[in-house]
């Protein structure tokens, strides 16, 4: 199934969402299946959860059920049981390969309040023209340096007008970025750190990142909806 993290709920951690989702399953009466053993757990598998603080229109998970139910009923029941801002959008009965095997890239919208389109375009060009862009990030294993450029499939400025910033007189450049899933993962804040490295781009207020799509990257650069394998086949995330 596909769900969204919107508004203030984008600050919900993955662990907090998992707890909220399990409570919603119970309230909605979804006949969830459980693992075997001394400490049974509900059969839920999450795919590439978005970092805390980022919004998303394309989060995915799989659940195992004790019986066949109508996916549309599951969407309605779970959406009603979750807080507004954690919104269940779609569900299908799964078949074939696992959900994780259907996802290898994400499309992100990065909003940069206080940054002009020209400044963002210059930074994006410098980033794209670099053979590698090294950034540092604190991990569980300590500080790591890794290349962000290699994971980025495309990066470009979307011309959206002044209203994108929420204030008519304040510019707000918007970047459309497609990133492959690699190890270590390259997150939106890593791309922003890379823009700072190559062009000293530093938005005066915190940027906002929203994941628009996840799925398998096509030869045309589109993101294939992972749920469509169980429907008719289509792509999402094009612009």
Protein backbone atom coordinates (compact mmCIF):
# COMPACT_ATOMS: atom_id res chain seq x y z
CA UNK A 1 0.00 0.00 0.00
CA UNK A 2 0.97 3.62 -0.53
CA UNK A 3 0.67 6.32 2.11
CA UNK A 4 1.67 9.96 2.57
CA UNK A 5 3.32 12.01 5.33
CA UNK A 6 2.05 15.58 5.12
CA UNK A 7 2.25 18.84 7.03
CA UNK A 8 3.52 18.64 10.62
CA UNK A 9 3.32 14.83 10.49
CA UNK A 10 6.45 14.86 8.30
CA UNK A 11 8.34 15.16 11.60
CA UNK A 12 7.01 11.76 12.66
CA UNK A 13 9.90 9.31 12.94
CA UNK A 14 9.68 5.92 11.27
CA UNK A 15 9.44 4.24 14.67
CA UNK A 16 6.58 6.51 15.73
CA UNK A 17 4.76 5.87 12.46
CA UNK A 18 5.18 2.11 12.87
CA UNK A 19 3.58 2.28 16.32
CA UNK A 20 0.74 4.48 15.04
CA UNK A 21 0.16 2.15 12.09
CA UNK A 22 -0.07 -0.94 14.30
CA UNK A 23 -2.63 0.84 16.50
CA UNK A 24 -4.58 1.85 13.39
CA UNK A 25 -4.66 -1.78 12.21
CA UNK A 26 -6.25 -2.80 15.50
CA UNK A 27 -8.78 0.08 15.51
CA UNK A 28 -9.74 -0.55 11.90
CA UNK A 29 -10.24 -4.28 12.45
CA UNK A 30 -7.85 -5.27 9.66
CA UNK A 31 -7.19 -9.04 10.01
CA UNK A 32 -3.41 -8.73 10.18
CA UNK A 33 -1.36 -11.93 10.21
CA UNK A 34 1.38 -12.51 12.80
CA UNK A 35 4.75 -14.21 12.70
CA UNK A 36 5.31 -17.52 14.46
CA UNK A 37 7.40 -18.08 17.60
CA UNK A 38 7.52 -16.92 21.22
CA UNK A 39 7.09 -13.22 20.37
CA UNK A 40 4.72 -12.94 17.39
CA UNK A 41 4.86 -9.68 15.44
CA UNK A 42 2.40 -8.30 12.91
CA UNK A 43 3.51 -9.05 9.35
CA UNK A 44 4.45 -5.56 8.15
CA UNK A 45 7.35 -4.75 5.84
CA UNK A 46 8.37 -1.14 5.16
CA UNK A 47 10.14 0.00 1.99
CA UNK A 48 12.69 2.84 2.13
CA UNK A 49 11.06 5.12 4.70
CA UNK A 50 11.62 8.84 4.15
CA UNK A 51 13.96 10.62 6.59
CA UNK A 52 12.32 12.33 9.56
CA UNK A 53 11.40 15.91 8.68
CA UNK A 54 10.75 15.25 5.00
CA UNK A 55 7.26 15.06 3.55
CA UNK A 56 6.23 12.30 1.19
CA UNK A 57 3.47 11.43 -1.22
CA UNK A 58 4.96 8.02 -1.93
CA UNK A 59 5.72 5.86 1.09
CA UNK A 60 5.13 2.13 0.70
CA UNK A 61 4.63 -0.90 2.92
CA UNK A 62 3.38 -4.47 2.72
CA UNK A 63 1.14 -6.26 5.19
CA UNK A 64 0.25 -9.93 5.48
CA UNK A 65 -3.39 -10.75 6.24
CA UNK A 66 -5.17 -13.76 7.66
CA UNK A 67 -7.78 -13.64 4.91
CA UNK A 68 -8.50 -11.99 1.58
CA UNK A 69 -10.14 -8.56 1.91
CA UNK A 70 -11.02 -5.76 -0.50
CA UNK A 71 -7.99 -3.44 -0.83
CA UNK A 72 -10.32 -0.43 -1.18
CA UNK A 73 -11.84 -1.26 2.23
CA UNK A 74 -8.36 -1.46 3.77
CA UNK A 75 -7.52 2.00 2.40
CA UNK A 76 -10.73 3.55 3.77
CA UNK A 77 -10.54 1.83 7.17
CA UNK A 78 -6.87 2.58 7.84
CA UNK A 79 -7.07 6.17 6.58
CA UNK A 80 -9.92 6.82 9.01
CA UNK A 81 -7.95 5.26 11.89
CA UNK A 82 -4.75 7.30 11.29
CA UNK A 83 -4.20 10.96 12.18
CA UNK A 84 -4.75 13.51 9.39
CA UNK A 85 -1.40 13.97 7.68
CA UNK A 86 -0.68 10.24 7.74
CA UNK A 87 -2.89 9.37 4.80
CA UNK A 88 -3.37 5.98 3.16
CA UNK A 89 -3.70 6.56 -0.58
CA UNK A 90 -3.77 3.22 -2.38
CA UNK A 91 -3.58 -0.54 -1.89
CA UNK A 92 -3.49 -3.61 -4.10
CA UNK A 93 -3.40 -7.35 -3.51
CA UNK A 94 0.27 -8.23 -4.02
CA UNK A 95 1.64 -10.89 -6.32
CA UNK A 96 5.03 -11.72 -7.77
CA UNK A 97 8.23 -10.05 -6.57
CA UNK A 98 8.48 -8.21 -3.26
CA UNK A 99 7.80 -4.50 -2.97
CA UNK A 100 11.45 -3.77 -2.13
CA UNK A 101 12.52 -5.35 -5.44
CA UNK A 102 10.29 -2.87 -7.31
CA UNK A 103 11.95 0.26 -5.91
CA UNK A 104 15.37 1.54 -6.92
CA UNK A 105 14.90 5.34 -7.19
CA UNK A 106 13.00 8.32 -5.78
CA UNK A 107 11.89 11.69 -7.14
CA UNK A 108 12.18 14.62 -4.70
CA UNK A 109 10.91 18.19 -4.71
CA UNK A 110 13.32 20.46 -2.82
CA UNK A 111 11.91 23.89 -1.95
CA UNK A 112 14.56 26.55 -1.24
CA UNK A 113 12.93 29.65 0.30
CA UNK A 114 14.95 32.82 -0.21
CA UNK A 115 16.87 31.35 -3.16
CA UNK A 116 16.33 32.68 -6.69
CA UNK A 117 15.84 30.38 -9.67
CA UNK A 118 19.08 31.73 -11.16
CA UNK A 119 21.14 30.88 -8.07
CA UNK A 120 19.58 27.42 -7.82
CA UNK A 121 20.10 26.76 -11.53
CA UNK A 122 23.77 27.75 -11.32
CA UNK A 123 24.29 25.47 -8.32
CA UNK A 124 22.47 22.57 -10.02
CA UNK A 125 24.61 22.97 -13.15
CA UNK A 126 27.83 23.00 -11.09
CA UNK A 127 26.66 19.90 -9.24
CA UNK A 128 25.71 18.07 -12.46
CA UNK A 129 28.97 18.97 -14.18
CA UNK A 130 31.08 17.62 -11.30
CA UNK A 131 32.55 14.13 -11.61
CA UNK A 132 31.96 13.64 -7.87
CA UNK A 133 30.67 15.71 -4.97
CA UNK A 134 31.95 14.56 -1.59
CA UNK A 135 30.00 15.34 1.58
CA UNK A 136 30.22 14.20 5.20
CA UNK A 137 27.47 12.76 7.34
CA UNK A 138 27.35 11.42 10.88
CA UNK A 139 26.36 7.74 10.86
CA UNK A 140 26.16 5.02 13.48
CA UNK A 141 29.71 4.10 12.50
CA UNK A 142 30.93 7.70 12.91
CA UNK A 143 31.61 10.44 10.34
CA UNK A 144 31.54 9.16 6.77
CA UNK A 145 32.55 10.87 3.56
CA UNK A 146 30.76 9.75 0.39
CA UNK A 147 29.93 10.89 -3.13
CA UNK A 148 26.45 12.35 -3.70
CA UNK A 149 26.85 13.04 -7.40
CA UNK A 150 26.94 9.41 -8.51
CA UNK A 151 23.47 8.68 -7.15
CA UNK A 152 21.75 11.67 -8.78
CA UNK A 153 20.05 10.79 -12.07
CA UNK A 154 18.74 14.31 -12.77
CA UNK A 155 18.57 17.69 -11.07
CA UNK A 156 16.81 20.75 -12.47
CA UNK A 157 15.00 23.89 -11.42
CA UNK A 158 11.21 24.05 -11.77
CA UNK A 159 9.93 27.56 -12.52
CA UNK A 160 6.97 27.96 -10.20
CA UNK A 161 6.52 31.68 -9.56
CA UNK A 162 6.77 33.63 -6.30
CA UNK A 163 3.77 32.01 -4.61
CA UNK A 164 5.78 28.82 -3.91
CA UNK A 165 7.49 30.53 -0.96
CA UNK A 166 4.21 31.47 0.68
CA UNK A 167 5.13 35.16 0.46
CA UNK A 168 4.72 37.01 -2.87
CA UNK A 169 7.90 39.07 -2.48
CA UNK A 170 10.17 36.22 -1.38
CA UNK A 171 11.73 33.96 -4.04
CA UNK A 172 11.59 30.21 -3.64
CA UNK A 173 13.50 28.07 -6.10
CA UNK A 174 12.27 24.51 -6.49
CA UNK A 175 14.53 21.66 -7.52
CA UNK A 176 13.30 18.43 -9.05
CA UNK A 177 15.79 15.69 -8.19
CA UNK A 178 15.80 12.00 -9.09
CA UNK A 179 18.07 9.87 -6.91
CA UNK A 180 18.99 6.21 -7.22
CA UNK A 181 18.92 4.10 -4.09
CA UNK A 182 22.55 3.25 -3.32
CA UNK A 183 24.66 2.33 -0.30
CA UNK A 184 25.15 4.49 1.63
CA UNK A 185 21.81 6.09 0.79
CA UNK A 186 21.87 9.63 -0.61
CA UNK A 187 19.16 11.72 1.08
CA UNK A 188 17.78 15.17 0.19
CA UNK A 189 19.95 16.82 2.83
CA UNK A 190 23.00 15.17 1.25
CA UNK A 191 22.13 16.69 -2.13
CA UNK A 192 21.71 20.09 -0.44
CA UNK A 193 25.08 19.62 1.25
CA UNK A 194 26.54 18.86 -2.16
CA UNK A 195 25.12 22.10 -3.59
CA UNK A 196 26.75 23.92 -0.70
CA UNK A 197 30.08 22.28 -1.52
CA UNK A 198 30.08 23.08 -5.24
CA UNK A 199 28.35 26.49 -5.24
CA UNK A 200 28.20 27.71 -1.63
CA UNK A 201 24.38 27.57 -1.90
CA UNK A 202 22.97 28.16 1.58
CA UNK A 203 19.22 28.95 1.84
CA UNK A 204 18.52 31.61 4.52
CA UNK A 205 15.77 29.41 6.02
CA UNK A 206 15.56 25.61 6.22
CA UNK A 207 14.65 23.97 2.89
CA UNK A 208 11.69 21.65 2.61
CA UNK A 209 11.91 18.24 0.95
CA UNK A 210 8.94 16.23 -0.35
CA UNK A 211 9.21 12.80 -1.92
CA UNK A 212 6.91 12.68 -4.94
CA UNK A 213 7.50 9.14 -6.17
CA UNK A 214 9.33 5.90 -5.52
CA UNK A 215 9.74 2.96 -7.83
CA UNK A 216 11.82 1.43 -10.58
CA UNK A 217 13.65 3.92 -12.79
CA UNK A 218 12.69 3.55 -16.46
CA UNK A 219 14.95 4.17 -19.46
CA UNK A 220 13.08 7.43 -20.03
CA UNK A 221 13.88 8.67 -16.51
CA UNK A 222 10.35 8.19 -15.16
CA UNK A 223 9.55 6.38 -11.92
CA UNK A 224 7.35 3.29 -12.36
CA UNK A 225 4.66 2.94 -9.70
CA UNK A 226 5.53 -0.26 -7.77
CA UNK A 227 1.86 -1.08 -7.25
CA UNK A 228 1.11 -1.07 -10.98
CA UNK A 229 2.75 -4.47 -11.38
CA UNK A 230 -0.46 -5.83 -9.83
CA UNK A 231 -2.68 -3.65 -12.04
CA UNK A 232 -2.23 -2.48 -15.62
CA UNK A 233 1.30 -0.97 -15.73
CA UNK A 234 1.88 2.77 -15.72
CA UNK A 235 4.38 5.34 -14.50
CA UNK A 236 4.17 8.10 -11.91
CA UNK A 237 6.41 10.95 -10.97
CA UNK A 238 6.74 12.48 -14.42
CA UNK A 239 6.66 16.26 -14.80
